[in-house]
Amino acid sequence: MKQAKEFFINQCLELLRRQDIKQELKQLMKPLIEMMFTQMYPYIFIFVSFSLLTFFLMLGIFILLIKTTIF
């Protein structure tokens, strides 16, 4: 039973190594990935916006802290 399982796994791996199969999988997955990015785009934009806002707020606090400790 173990040999049959290993044989099946090796056959699947050999099949996935073929270049034509790789191209077909890429073409098959491309619309799905594009749809996912289209759906996730607003959330990515919000995440990046909040990250930049947090960075600039922390930078401002750091500058104010440096100014008050030096003088």
PDB file of N, CA and C in Angstrom:
ATOM      1  N   MET A   1       0.826  -1.203   0.000  1.00  0.00           N
ATOM      2  CA  MET A   1       0.000   0.000   0.000  1.00  0.00           C
ATOM      3  C   MET A   1       0.864   1.258   0.000  1.00  0.00           C
ATOM      4  N   LYS A   2       1.954   1.199   0.773  1.00  0.00           N
ATOM      5  CA  LYS A   2       2.840   2.360   0.855  1.00  0.00           C
ATOM      6  C   LYS A   2       3.503   2.630  -0.488  1.00  0.00           C
ATOM      7  N   GLN A   3       3.846   1.540  -1.212  1.00  0.00           N
ATOM      8  CA  GLN A   3       4.484   1.706  -2.519  1.00  0.00           C
ATOM      9  C   GLN A   3       3.527   2.339  -3.522  1.00  0.00           C
ATOM     10  N   ALA A   4       2.280   1.967  -3.465  1.00  0.00           N
ATOM     11  CA  ALA A   4       1.288   2.532  -4.381  1.00  0.00           C
ATOM     12  C   ALA A   4       1.103   4.022  -4.105  1.00  0.00           C
ATOM     13  N   LYS A   5       1.117   4.379  -2.836  1.00  0.00           N
ATOM     14  CA  LYS A   5       0.960   5.787  -2.464  1.00  0.00           C
ATOM     15  C   LYS A   5       2.164   6.600  -2.944  1.00  0.00           C
ATOM     16  N   GLU A   6       3.365   6.065  -2.742  1.00  0.00           N
ATOM     17  CA  GLU A   6       4.570   6.763  -3.189  1.00  0.00           C
ATOM     18  C   GLU A   6       4.613   6.862  -4.711  1.00  0.00           C
ATOM     19  N   PHE A   7       4.188   5.795  -5.379  1.00  0.00           N
ATOM     20  CA  PHE A   7       4.144   5.806  -6.841  1.00  0.00           C
ATOM     21  C   PHE A   7       3.194   6.889  -7.344  1.00  0.00           C
ATOM     22  N   PHE A   8       2.019   6.966  -6.725  1.00  0.00           N
ATOM     23  CA  PHE A   8       1.030   7.976  -7.120  1.00  0.00           C
ATOM     24  C   PHE A   8       1.570   9.382  -6.889  1.00  0.00           C
ATOM     25  N   ILE A   9       2.215   9.620  -5.754  1.00  0.00           N
ATOM     26  CA  ILE A   9       2.774  10.942  -5.444  1.00  0.00           C
ATOM     27  C   ILE A   9       3.873  11.289  -6.442  1.00  0.00           C
ATOM     28  N   ASN A  10       4.739  10.322  -6.759  1.00  0.00           N
ATOM     29  CA  ASN A  10       5.817  10.577  -7.727  1.00  0.00           C
ATOM     30  C   ASN A  10       5.263  10.868  -9.112  1.00  0.00           C
ATOM     31  N   GLN A  11       4.211  10.179  -9.507  1.00  0.00           N
ATOM     32  CA  GLN A  11       3.587  10.443 -10.810  1.00  0.00           C
ATOM     33  C   GLN A  11       2.989  11.852 -10.848  1.00  0.00           C
ATOM     34  N   CYS A  12       2.362  12.256  -9.765  1.00  0.00           N
ATOM     35  CA  CYS A  12       1.795  13.611  -9.701  1.00  0.00           C
ATOM     36  C   CYS A  12       2.892  14.661  -9.770  1.00  0.00           C
ATOM     37  N   LEU A  13       3.983  14.434  -9.064  1.00  0.00           N
ATOM     38  CA  LEU A  13       5.094  15.384  -9.089  1.00  0.00           C
ATOM     39  C   LEU A  13       5.727  15.468 -10.476  1.00  0.00           C
ATOM     40  N   GLU A  14       5.877  14.336 -11.131  1.00  0.00           N
ATOM     41  CA  GLU A  14       6.406  14.348 -12.500  1.00  0.00           C
ATOM     42  C   GLU A  14       5.478  15.105 -13.438  1.00  0.00           C
ATOM     43  N   LEU A  15       4.196  14.928 -13.248  1.00  0.00           N
ATOM     44  CA  LEU A  15       3.223  15.625 -14.082  1.00  0.00           C
ATOM     45  C   LEU A  15       3.303  17.136 -13.857  1.00  0.00           C
ATOM     46  N   LEU A  16       3.473  17.538 -12.607  1.00  0.00           N
ATOM     47  CA  LEU A  16       3.533  18.975 -12.299  1.00  0.00           C
ATOM     48  C   LEU A  16       4.842  19.611 -12.743  1.00  0.00           C
ATOM     49  N   ARG A  17       5.866  18.819 -12.993  1.00  0.00           N
ATOM     50  CA  ARG A  17       7.148  19.365 -13.439  1.00  0.00           C
ATOM     51  C   ARG A  17       7.154  19.692 -14.929  1.00  0.00           C
ATOM     52  N   ARG A  18       6.203  19.167 -15.662  1.00  0.00           N
ATOM     53  CA  ARG A  18       6.161  19.424 -17.103  1.00  0.00           C
ATOM     54  C   ARG A  18       5.821  20.884 -17.366  1.00  0.00           C
ATOM     55  N   GLN A  19       6.502  21.463 -18.348  1.00  0.00           N
ATOM     56  CA  GLN A  19       6.340  22.886 -18.654  1.00  0.00           C
ATOM     57  C   GLN A  19       4.940  23.205 -19.171  1.00  0.00           C
ATOM     58  N   ASP A  20       4.354  22.351 -19.996  1.00  0.00           N
ATOM     59  CA  ASP A  20       3.022  22.628 -20.529  1.00  0.00           C
ATOM     60  C   ASP A  20       1.963  22.604 -19.429  1.00  0.00           C
ATOM     61  N   ILE A  21       2.140  21.732 -18.446  1.00  0.00           N
ATOM     62  CA  ILE A  21       1.206  21.683 -17.318  1.00  0.00           C
ATOM     63  C   ILE A  21       1.339  22.951 -16.475  1.00  0.00           C
ATOM     64  N   LYS A  22       2.589  23.405 -16.294  1.00  0.00           N
ATOM     65  CA  LYS A  22       2.803  24.650 -15.530  1.00  0.00           C
ATOM     66  C   LYS A  22       2.105  25.824 -16.204  1.00  0.00           C
ATOM     67  N   GLN A  23       2.221  25.896 -17.537  1.00  0.00           N
ATOM     68  CA  GLN A  23       1.572  26.990 -18.267  1.00  0.00           C
ATOM     69  C   GLN A  23       0.054  26.915 -18.153  1.00  0.00           C
ATOM     70  N   GLU A  24      -0.484  25.720 -18.243  1.00  0.00           N
ATOM     71  CA  GLU A  24      -1.940  25.553 -18.116  1.00  0.00           C
ATOM     72  C   GLU A  24      -2.421  25.951 -16.718  1.00  0.00           C
ATOM     73  N   LEU A  25      -1.677  25.573 -15.692  1.00  0.00           N
ATOM     74  CA  LEU A  25      -2.053  25.958 -14.325  1.00  0.00           C
ATOM     75  C   LEU A  25      -1.994  27.470 -14.143  1.00  0.00           C
ATOM     76  N   LYS A  26      -0.977  28.100 -14.730  1.00  0.00           N
ATOM     77  CA  LYS A  26      -0.882  29.558 -14.646  1.00  0.00           C
ATOM     78  C   LYS A  26      -2.067  30.232 -15.319  1.00  0.00           C
ATOM     79  N   GLN A  27      -2.427  29.730 -16.507  1.00  0.00           N
ATOM     80  CA  GLN A  27      -3.570  30.304 -17.216  1.00  0.00           C
ATOM     81  C   GLN A  27      -4.871  30.055 -16.472  1.00  0.00           C
ATOM     82  N   LEU A  28      -4.964  28.918 -15.812  1.00  0.00           N
ATOM     83  CA  LEU A  28      -6.166  28.584 -15.054  1.00  0.00           C
ATOM     84  C   LEU A  28      -6.297  29.457 -13.809  1.00  0.00           C
ATOM     85  N   MET A  29      -5.192  29.727 -13.142  1.00  0.00           N
ATOM     86  CA  MET A  29      -5.222  30.470 -11.886  1.00  0.00           C
ATOM     87  C   MET A  29      -5.208  31.990 -12.077  1.00  0.00           C
ATOM     88  N   LYS A  30      -4.800  32.463 -13.234  1.00  0.00           N
ATOM     89  CA  LYS A  30      -4.681  33.901 -13.462  1.00  0.00           C
ATOM     90  C   LYS A  30      -5.999  34.655 -13.225  1.00  0.00           C
ATOM     91  N   PRO A  31      -7.152  34.227 -13.758  1.00  0.00           N
ATOM     92  CA  PRO A  31      -8.396  34.958 -13.480  1.00  0.00           C
ATOM     93  C   PRO A  31      -8.777  34.952 -12.001  1.00  0.00           C
ATOM     94  N   LEU A  32      -8.515  33.833 -11.327  1.00  0.00           N
ATOM     95  CA  LEU A  32      -8.830  33.744  -9.903  1.00  0.00           C
ATOM     96  C   LEU A  32      -7.980  34.729  -9.094  1.00  0.00           C
ATOM     97  N   ILE A  33      -6.705  34.795  -9.396  1.00  0.00           N
ATOM     98  CA  ILE A  33      -5.813  35.707  -8.678  1.00  0.00           C
ATOM     99  C   ILE A  33      -6.175  37.159  -8.982  1.00  0.00           C
ATOM    100  N   GLU A  34      -6.478  37.461 -10.232  1.00  0.00           N
ATOM    101  CA  GLU A  34      -6.885  38.823 -10.580  1.00  0.00           C
ATOM    102  C   GLU A  34      -8.168  39.217  -9.852  1.00  0.00           C
ATOM    103  N   MET A  35      -9.113  38.291  -9.751  1.00  0.00           N
ATOM    104  CA  MET A  35     -10.354  38.569  -9.036  1.00  0.00           C
ATOM    105  C   MET A  35     -10.085  38.808  -7.551  1.00  0.00           C
ATOM    106  N   MET A  36      -9.194  38.019  -6.974  1.00  0.00           N
ATOM    107  CA  MET A  36      -8.860  38.200  -5.560  1.00  0.00           C
ATOM    108  C   MET A  36      -8.227  39.563  -5.327  1.00  0.00           C
ATOM    109  N   PHE A  37      -7.298  39.964  -6.186  1.00  0.00           N
ATOM    110  CA  PHE A  37      -6.673  41.275  -6.029  1.00  0.00           C
ATOM    111  C   PHE A  37      -7.681  42.396  -6.234  1.00  0.00           C
ATOM    112  N   THR A  38      -8.600  42.213  -7.158  1.00  0.00           N
ATOM    113  CA  THR A  38      -9.637  43.220  -7.377  1.00  0.00           C
ATOM    114  C   THR A  38     -10.501  43.378  -6.127  1.00  0.00           C
ATOM    115  N   GLN A  39     -10.843  42.272  -5.498  1.00  0.00           N
ATOM    116  CA  GLN A  39     -11.662  42.325  -4.289  1.00  0.00           C
ATOM    117  C   GLN A  39     -10.886  42.858  -3.094  1.00  0.00           C
ATOM    118  N   MET A  40      -9.599  42.592  -3.033  1.00  0.00           N
ATOM    119  CA  MET A  40      -8.785  42.984  -1.880  1.00  0.00           C
ATOM    120  C   MET A  40      -8.176  44.377  -2.018  1.00  0.00           C
ATOM    121  N   TYR A  41      -8.240  44.976  -3.202  1.00  0.00           N
ATOM    122  CA  TYR A  41      -7.588  46.258  -3.439  1.00  0.00           C
ATOM    123  C   TYR A  41      -7.983  47.336  -2.426  1.00  0.00           C
ATOM    124  N   PRO A  42      -9.271  47.529  -2.115  1.00  0.00           N
ATOM    125  CA  PRO A  42      -9.607  48.574  -1.130  1.00  0.00           C
ATOM    126  C   PRO A  42      -8.991  48.313   0.245  1.00  0.00           C
ATOM    127  N   TYR A  43      -8.927  47.064   0.650  1.00  0.00           N
ATOM    128  CA  TYR A  43      -8.359  46.737   1.957  1.00  0.00           C
ATOM    129  C   TYR A  43      -6.847  46.958   1.964  1.00  0.00           C
ATOM    130  N   ILE A  44      -6.201  46.629   0.853  1.00  0.00           N
ATOM    131  CA  ILE A  44      -4.764  46.880   0.749  1.00  0.00           C
ATOM    132  C   ILE A  44      -4.500  48.373   0.808  1.00  0.00           C
ATOM    133  N   PHE A  45      -5.302  49.155   0.117  1.00  0.00           N
ATOM    134  CA  PHE A  45      -5.143  50.611   0.120  1.00  0.00           C
ATOM    135  C   PHE A  45      -5.330  51.169   1.529  1.00  0.00           C
ATOM    136  N   ILE A  46      -6.342  50.712   2.246  1.00  0.00           N
ATOM    137  CA  ILE A  46      -6.582  51.175   3.614  1.00  0.00           C
ATOM    138  C   ILE A  46      -5.418  50.790   4.525  1.00  0.00           C
ATOM    139  N   PHE A  47      -4.922  49.563   4.392  1.00  0.00           N
ATOM    140  CA  PHE A  47      -3.802  49.105   5.208  1.00  0.00           C
ATOM    141  C   PHE A  47      -2.560  49.952   4.964  1.00  0.00           C
ATOM    142  N   VAL A  48      -2.245  50.220   3.710  1.00  0.00           N
ATOM    143  CA  VAL A  48      -1.069  51.028   3.390  1.00  0.00           C
ATOM    144  C   VAL A  48      -1.262  52.453   3.884  1.00  0.00           C
ATOM    145  N   SER A  49      -2.459  52.991   3.737  1.00  0.00           N
ATOM    146  CA  SER A  49      -2.729  54.357   4.208  1.00  0.00           C
ATOM    147  C   SER A  49      -2.544  54.459   5.719  1.00  0.00           C
ATOM    148  N   PHE A  50      -3.109  53.529   6.472  1.00  0.00           N
ATOM    149  CA  PHE A  50      -2.952  53.553   7.929  1.00  0.00           C
ATOM    150  C   PHE A  50      -1.505  53.323   8.340  1.00  0.00           C
ATOM    151  N   SER A  51      -0.793  52.493   7.615  1.00  0.00           N
ATOM    152  CA  SER A  51       0.615  52.265   7.931  1.00  0.00           C
ATOM    153  C   SER A  51       1.423  53.539   7.719  1.00  0.00           C
ATOM    154  N   LEU A  52       1.186  54.229   6.619  1.00  0.00           N
ATOM    155  CA  LEU A  52       1.891  55.489   6.375  1.00  0.00           C
ATOM    156  C   LEU A  52       1.511  56.550   7.402  1.00  0.00           C
ATOM    157  N   LEU A  53       0.236  56.629   7.737  1.00  0.00           N
ATOM    158  CA  LEU A  53      -0.214  57.584   8.743  1.00  0.00           C
ATOM    159  C   LEU A  53       0.455  57.298  10.087  1.00  0.00           C
ATOM    160  N   THR A  54       0.515  56.055  10.472  1.00  0.00           N
ATOM    161  CA  THR A  54       1.160  55.678  11.729  1.00  0.00           C
ATOM    162  C   THR A  54       2.642  56.023  11.696  1.00  0.00           C
ATOM    163  N   PHE A  55       3.290  55.766  10.581  1.00  0.00           N
ATOM    164  CA  PHE A  55       4.707  56.100  10.463  1.00  0.00           C
ATOM    165  C   PHE A  55       4.937  57.591  10.631  1.00  0.00           C
ATOM    166  N   PHE A  56       4.145  58.417   9.951  1.00  0.00           N
ATOM    167  CA  PHE A  56       4.348  59.862  10.051  1.00  0.00           C
ATOM    168  C   PHE A  56       4.007  60.392  11.444  1.00  0.00           C
ATOM    169  N   LEU A  57       2.988  59.823  12.092  1.00  0.00           N
ATOM    170  CA  LEU A  57       2.681  60.227  13.464  1.00  0.00           C
ATOM    171  C   LEU A  57       3.819  59.864  14.413  1.00  0.00           C
ATOM    172  N   MET A  58       4.372  58.686  14.270  1.00  0.00           N
ATOM    173  CA  MET A  58       5.494  58.288  15.118  1.00  0.00           C
ATOM    174  C   MET A  58       6.731  59.132  14.831  1.00  0.00           C
ATOM    175  N   LEU A  59       6.951  59.474  13.586  1.00  0.00           N
ATOM    176  CA  LEU A  59       8.067  60.339  13.223  1.00  0.00           C
ATOM    177  C   LEU A  59       7.895  61.720  13.840  1.00  0.00           C
ATOM    178  N   GLY A  60       6.670  62.241  13.799  1.00  0.00           N
ATOM    179  CA  GLY A  60       6.404  63.542  14.426  1.00  0.00           C
ATOM    180  C   GLY A  60       6.620  63.497  15.926  1.00  0.00           C
ATOM    181  N   ILE A  61       6.154  62.462  16.568  1.00  0.00           N
ATOM    182  CA  ILE A  61       6.361  62.320  18.016  1.00  0.00           C
ATOM    183  C   ILE A  61       7.846  62.215  18.325  1.00  0.00           C
ATOM    184  N   PHE A  62       8.588  61.478  17.525  1.00  0.00           N
ATOM    185  CA  PHE A  62      10.021  61.347  17.735  1.00  0.00           C
ATOM    186  C   PHE A  62      10.726  62.684  17.589  1.00  0.00           C
ATOM    187  N   ILE A  63      10.352  63.463  16.578  1.00  0.00           N
ATOM    188  CA  ILE A  63      10.962  64.786  16.383  1.00  0.00           C
ATOM    189  C   ILE A  63      10.635  65.700  17.552  1.00  0.00           C
ATOM    190  N   LEU A  64       9.383  65.708  18.009  1.00  0.00           N
ATOM    191  CA  LEU A  64       9.017  66.527  19.165  1.00  0.00           C
ATOM    192  C   LEU A  64       9.772  66.088  20.423  1.00  0.00           C
ATOM    193  N   LEU A  65       9.953  64.811  20.590  1.00  0.00           N
ATOM    194  CA  LEU A  65      10.698  64.283  21.736  1.00  0.00           C
ATOM    195  C   LEU A  65      12.156  64.717  21.681  1.00  0.00           C
ATOM    196  N   ILE A  66      12.741  64.663  20.500  1.00  0.00           N
ATOM    197  CA  ILE A  66      14.135  65.088  20.354  1.00  0.00           C
ATOM    198  C   ILE A  66      14.256  66.589  20.623  1.00  0.00           C
ATOM    199  N   LYS A  67      13.334  67.392  20.119  1.00  0.00           N
ATOM    200  CA  LYS A  67      13.379  68.835  20.341  1.00  0.00           C
ATOM    201  C   LYS A  67      13.274  69.171  21.825  1.00  0.00           C
ATOM    202  N   THR A  68      12.383  68.514  22.541  1.00  0.00           N
ATOM    203  CA  THR A  68      12.186  68.860  23.945  1.00  0.00           C
ATOM    204  C   THR A  68      13.336  68.371  24.822  1.00  0.00           C
ATOM    205  N   THR A  69      14.008  67.297  24.460  1.00  0.00           N
ATOM    206  CA  THR A  69      15.104  66.809  25.284  1.00  0.00           C
ATOM    207  C   THR A  69      16.393  67.556  25.001  1.00  0.00           C
ATOM    208  N   ILE A  70      16.584  68.086  23.814  1.00  0.00           N
ATOM    209  CA  ILE A  70      17.808  68.823  23.497  1.00  0.00           C
ATOM    210  C   ILE A  70      17.782  70.219  24.115  1.00  0.00           C
ATOM    211  N   PHE A  71      16.687  70.894  24.056  1.00  0.00           N
ATOM    212  CA  PHE A  71      16.638  72.285  24.540  1.00  0.00           C
ATOM    213  C   PHE A  71      16.080  72.344  25.901  1.00  0.00           C
TER     214      PHE A  71
END
